[in-house]
N, C-alpha and C. Protein backbone atom coordinates (compact mmCIF):
# COMPACT_ATOMS: atom_id res chain seq x y z
N UNK A 1 -24.28 15.23 -2.63
CA UNK A 1 -24.71 14.04 -2.80
C UNK A 1 -24.71 13.84 -4.05
N UNK A 2 -25.35 15.26 -4.78
CA UNK A 2 -25.02 15.17 -6.46
C UNK A 2 -23.78 14.78 -7.14
N UNK A 3 -22.78 15.27 -6.55
CA UNK A 3 -21.49 14.97 -6.57
C UNK A 3 -20.79 13.76 -6.22
N UNK A 4 -21.14 12.98 -5.26
CA UNK A 4 -20.90 11.85 -4.97
C UNK A 4 -21.54 10.81 -6.04
N UNK A 5 -22.83 10.82 -6.42
CA UNK A 5 -23.61 10.03 -7.33
C UNK A 5 -23.21 10.25 -8.65
N UNK A 6 -22.44 11.35 -9.35
CA UNK A 6 -22.01 11.65 -10.13
C UNK A 6 -20.50 11.19 -10.62
N UNK A 7 -20.20 11.19 -9.46
CA UNK A 7 -18.55 10.70 -9.19
C UNK A 7 -18.88 9.45 -9.25
N UNK A 8 -19.72 8.38 -8.66
CA UNK A 8 -19.58 7.06 -8.33
C UNK A 8 -19.89 6.59 -10.31
N UNK A 9 -20.73 6.95 -10.88
CA UNK A 9 -21.08 6.69 -12.06
C UNK A 9 -20.05 6.67 -13.28
N UNK A 10 -19.49 8.06 -13.00
CA UNK A 10 -18.49 8.23 -13.69
C UNK A 10 -17.28 7.11 -13.86
N UNK A 11 -16.76 7.03 -12.02
CA UNK A 11 -15.80 5.87 -11.85
C UNK A 11 -16.24 4.34 -12.26
N UNK A 12 -17.35 3.85 -12.48
CA UNK A 12 -18.17 2.95 -13.04
C UNK A 12 -17.71 2.73 -14.43
N UNK A 13 -18.18 3.70 -14.74
CA UNK A 13 -17.46 3.69 -16.35
C UNK A 13 -16.47 3.33 -17.17
N UNK A 14 -15.49 4.29 -16.27
CA UNK A 14 -14.06 3.95 -16.43
C UNK A 14 -13.89 2.79 -15.88
N UNK A 15 -14.27 1.93 -15.13
CA UNK A 15 -13.74 0.16 -14.66
C UNK A 15 -14.74 -0.17 -15.63
N UNK A 16 -15.29 -0.01 -16.14
CA UNK A 16 -16.20 -1.17 -17.64
C UNK A 16 -15.31 -0.96 -18.87
N UNK A 17 -14.90 0.61 -18.62
CA UNK A 17 -14.17 0.56 -20.10
C UNK A 17 -12.38 0.24 -19.90
N UNK A 18 -11.77 -0.03 -19.23
CA UNK A 18 -10.22 -0.47 -18.53
C UNK A 18 -10.54 -1.18 -17.78
N UNK A 19 -10.78 -2.37 -17.70
CA UNK A 19 -11.03 -3.45 -16.69
C UNK A 19 -9.79 -3.72 -16.31
N UNK A 20 -8.95 -3.10 -16.05
CA UNK A 20 -7.35 -3.25 -15.42
C UNK A 20 -7.45 -2.66 -13.76
N UNK A 21 -7.21 -3.46 -12.54
CA UNK A 21 -6.91 -3.06 -11.49
C UNK A 21 -5.95 -2.45 -11.16
N UNK A 22 -6.08 -1.21 -11.33
CA UNK A 22 -4.85 -0.47 -11.27
C UNK A 22 -5.77 1.10 -10.23
N UNK A 23 -6.83 1.34 -10.41
CA UNK A 23 -7.40 2.73 -10.40
C UNK A 23 -6.68 3.65 -10.75
N UNK A 24 -6.36 4.91 -10.68
CA UNK A 24 -6.22 6.02 -11.08
C UNK A 24 -5.05 6.12 -12.11
N UNK A 25 -4.08 5.53 -11.81
CA UNK A 25 -2.96 5.42 -12.39
C UNK A 25 -3.39 4.73 -13.87
N UNK A 26 -3.87 3.82 -14.02
CA UNK A 26 -4.17 3.13 -15.23
C UNK A 26 -5.66 4.04 -16.06
N UNK A 27 -6.35 4.38 -15.28
CA UNK A 27 -6.79 5.25 -15.83
C UNK A 27 -6.54 6.68 -16.57
N UNK A 28 -5.26 7.51 -16.23
CA UNK A 28 -4.63 8.31 -16.77
C UNK A 28 -3.38 7.81 -17.57
N UNK A 29 -3.05 6.67 -17.54
CA UNK A 29 -2.24 5.91 -18.37
C UNK A 29 -2.86 5.82 -19.42
N UNK A 30 -4.34 5.45 -19.51
CA UNK A 30 -4.97 5.42 -20.64
C UNK A 30 -5.12 6.80 -21.61
N UNK A 31 -5.24 7.45 -21.02
CA UNK A 31 -6.03 8.64 -21.61
C UNK A 31 -5.04 10.23 -21.87
N UNK A 32 -3.82 10.33 -20.70
CA UNK A 32 -3.06 11.26 -20.25
C UNK A 32 -1.75 10.94 -20.86
N UNK A 33 -1.07 9.93 -20.71
CA UNK A 33 0.43 9.04 -20.69
C UNK A 33 1.18 8.52 -19.53
N UNK A 34 1.85 8.33 -19.60
CA UNK A 34 2.59 8.05 -18.47
C UNK A 34 2.97 9.15 -17.49
N UNK A 35 3.29 10.22 -18.02
CA UNK A 35 3.90 11.24 -17.07
C UNK A 35 2.42 11.58 -16.15
N UNK A 36 1.67 11.95 -16.51
CA UNK A 36 0.30 12.64 -15.81
C UNK A 36 -0.01 11.33 -14.93
N UNK A 37 0.07 10.18 -15.44
CA UNK A 37 -0.44 8.81 -14.66
C UNK A 37 0.32 8.85 -13.85
N UNK A 38 1.54 9.12 -13.57
CA UNK A 38 2.41 9.13 -12.44
C UNK A 38 1.86 9.90 -11.30
N UNK A 39 1.31 10.90 -11.53
CA UNK A 39 0.74 11.91 -10.56
C UNK A 39 -0.42 11.75 -10.49
N UNK A 40 -1.52 11.54 -11.07
CA UNK A 40 -2.67 10.37 -10.93
C UNK A 40 -2.43 9.29 -9.55
N UNK A 41 -1.52 8.88 -9.66
CA UNK A 41 -1.32 7.65 -8.79
C UNK A 41 -0.91 8.01 -7.53
N UNK A 42 0.47 9.07 -7.98
CA UNK A 42 0.55 9.78 -6.44
C UNK A 42 -0.22 10.09 -5.93
N UNK A 43 -1.63 11.01 -6.53
CA UNK A 43 -2.74 11.78 -6.39
C UNK A 43 -3.46 10.94 -5.03
N UNK A 44 -3.73 9.35 -5.97
CA UNK A 44 -4.05 8.73 -5.15
C UNK A 44 -4.09 7.98 -3.78
N UNK A 45 -2.51 7.50 -3.77
CA UNK A 45 -1.92 7.22 -2.65
C UNK A 45 -1.96 8.13 -1.28
N UNK A 46 -1.17 9.36 -2.27
CA UNK A 46 -1.79 10.96 -0.68
C UNK A 46 -2.89 10.60 -0.47
N UNK A 47 -4.22 10.49 -1.09
CA UNK A 47 -5.50 10.42 -0.58
C UNK A 47 -5.91 8.97 0.47
N UNK A 48 -4.76 7.71 -0.18
CA UNK A 48 -5.36 6.66 0.66
C UNK A 48 -4.58 7.02 2.31
N UNK A 49 -3.45 7.75 1.86
CA UNK A 49 -2.54 8.03 3.92
C UNK A 49 -3.23 9.05 4.58
N UNK A 50 -4.02 9.91 3.56
CA UNK A 50 -4.00 11.35 4.40
C UNK A 50 -5.97 10.58 4.95
N UNK A 51 -6.54 10.39 3.85
CA UNK A 51 -8.07 10.83 4.06
C UNK A 51 -8.51 9.92 5.39
N UNK A 52 -7.98 8.50 5.65
CA UNK A 52 -8.84 7.39 6.52
C UNK A 52 -8.23 8.44 8.16
N UNK A 53 -6.76 8.88 8.22
CA UNK A 53 -6.98 9.26 9.90
C UNK A 53 -7.61 10.86 10.03
N UNK A 54 -7.74 11.89 8.73
CA UNK A 54 -8.74 12.61 8.78
C UNK A 54 -10.26 12.64 9.34
N UNK A 55 -10.63 11.47 8.45
CA UNK A 55 -12.07 11.01 8.70
C UNK A 55 -12.32 10.45 9.91
N UNK A 56 -11.20 9.95 10.53
CA UNK A 56 -11.23 9.46 11.65
C UNK A 56 -10.96 10.44 13.19
N UNK A 57 -10.37 11.31 12.98
CA UNK A 57 -10.29 12.68 13.42
C UNK A 57 -11.67 13.79 13.56
N UNK A 58 -12.29 13.91 12.42
CA UNK A 58 -13.52 14.61 12.01
C UNK A 58 -14.46 13.47 13.15
N UNK A 59 -14.56 12.16 12.81
CA UNK A 59 -15.81 11.24 13.81
C UNK A 59 -15.64 11.78 15.24
N UNK A 60 -14.19 11.56 15.32
CA UNK A 60 -13.90 11.39 16.93
C UNK A 60 -14.32 12.84 17.52
N UNK A 61 -14.09 13.93 16.89
CA UNK A 61 -14.43 15.33 17.62
C UNK A 61 -16.20 15.29 17.45
N UNK A 62 -16.56 14.80 16.34
CA UNK A 62 -18.28 14.68 16.68
C UNK A 62 -18.84 14.09 17.66
N UNK A 63 -17.89 12.71 17.87
CA UNK A 63 -18.63 12.32 18.86
C UNK A 63 -17.94 12.85 20.75
N UNK A 64 -17.13 13.56 20.65
CA UNK A 64 -16.44 14.05 21.49
C UNK A 64 -17.75 15.27 22.09
N UNK A 65 -18.33 15.50 21.32
CA UNK A 65 -19.47 16.86 21.32
C UNK A 65 -20.56 15.78 22.23
N UNK A 66 -20.98 14.63 22.22
CA UNK A 66 -22.34 14.07 22.73
C UNK A 66 -21.48 13.18 24.15
N UNK A 67 -20.35 12.88 24.17
CA UNK A 67 -19.67 11.76 25.18
C UNK A 67 -18.44 12.59 25.31
N UNK A 68 -18.97 13.82 26.31
CA UNK A 68 -17.56 14.45 27.05
C UNK A 68 -17.22 13.62 28.15
N UNK A 69 -17.90 12.73 29.13
CA UNK A 69 -17.02 12.30 30.42
C UNK A 69 -16.55 11.05 29.60
N UNK A 70 -16.30 10.74 28.16
CA UNK A 70 -15.43 9.88 28.40
C UNK A 70 -13.87 10.34 28.61
N UNK A 71 -13.33 9.00 29.50
CA UNK A 71 -12.00 9.29 29.45
C UNK A 71 -10.66 9.60 28.41
N UNK A 72 -10.18 10.68 28.70
CA UNK A 72 -9.54 11.23 27.56
C UNK A 72 -8.14 10.64 27.39
N UNK A 73 -7.46 9.73 28.96
CA UNK A 73 -6.49 8.81 28.43
C UNK A 73 -6.54 8.10 28.03
N UNK A 74 -7.55 7.38 27.04
CA UNK A 74 -7.39 6.30 26.02
C UNK A 74 -6.35 6.54 24.95
N UNK A 75 -5.78 7.97 24.72
CA UNK A 75 -4.94 7.99 23.48
C UNK A 75 -3.82 7.35 23.46
N UNK A 76 -3.75 6.68 24.86
CA UNK A 76 -2.34 5.98 25.03
C UNK A 76 -2.30 4.56 24.25
N UNK A 77 -3.58 4.21 24.26
CA UNK A 77 -3.73 2.65 23.21
C UNK A 77 -3.57 2.64 21.98
N UNK A 78 -3.39 4.44 21.37
CA UNK A 78 -3.14 3.88 20.23
C UNK A 78 -1.82 3.79 19.43
N UNK A 79 -0.77 3.59 19.93
CA UNK A 79 0.41 3.03 19.75
C UNK A 79 0.44 1.75 19.95
N UNK A 80 -0.19 0.95 20.64
CA UNK A 80 -0.53 -0.67 21.03
C UNK A 80 -1.22 -0.97 19.53
N UNK A 81 -2.54 -0.51 19.14
CA UNK A 81 -3.45 -0.24 17.79
C UNK A 81 -2.45 -0.23 16.78
N UNK A 82 -1.42 0.84 16.78
CA UNK A 82 -0.52 0.28 15.27
C UNK A 82 0.54 -0.51 15.31
N UNK A 83 0.69 -0.79 16.42
CA UNK A 83 1.41 -1.86 16.70
C UNK A 83 0.91 -3.46 16.01
N UNK A 84 -0.20 -3.37 16.90
CA UNK A 84 -1.08 -4.27 15.99
C UNK A 84 -1.30 -4.76 14.76
N UNK A 85 -1.60 -3.49 14.11
CA UNK A 85 -1.74 -3.84 12.64
C UNK A 85 -0.47 -3.87 11.87
N UNK A 86 0.69 -3.17 12.60
CA UNK A 86 1.87 -3.58 11.59
C UNK A 86 1.98 -5.19 11.95
N UNK A 87 2.10 -5.68 13.11
CA UNK A 87 2.48 -7.17 13.25
C UNK A 87 1.75 -7.99 12.40
N UNK A 88 -0.04 -8.03 11.87
CA UNK A 88 -0.84 -8.89 11.83
C UNK A 88 -1.12 -8.52 10.57
N UNK A 89 -1.06 -7.58 9.97
CA UNK A 89 -1.20 -6.98 8.53
C UNK A 89 -3.02 -7.43 8.22
N UNK A 90 -3.81 -6.31 9.09
CA UNK A 90 -5.25 -6.81 8.75
C UNK A 90 -5.96 -6.12 7.94
């Protein structure tokens, strides 16, 4: 909890100091240069790609403890949801 609060405060300070919408790339570009900014931007992209599925998997595993009788064949709905997401871009 303490680490999350300090991260939030430091990110807020960076957002006020560099008010350009670009995330980690812009912050690293200002402080470390273009080469390291590229790596910071790629790290942020990798985080955005892999974090949501990992969180969803963890939440699903947690709820599986409480709802074991839930039908396990619902994983067939996942491709339908992904296709809908690609078509409608919510």
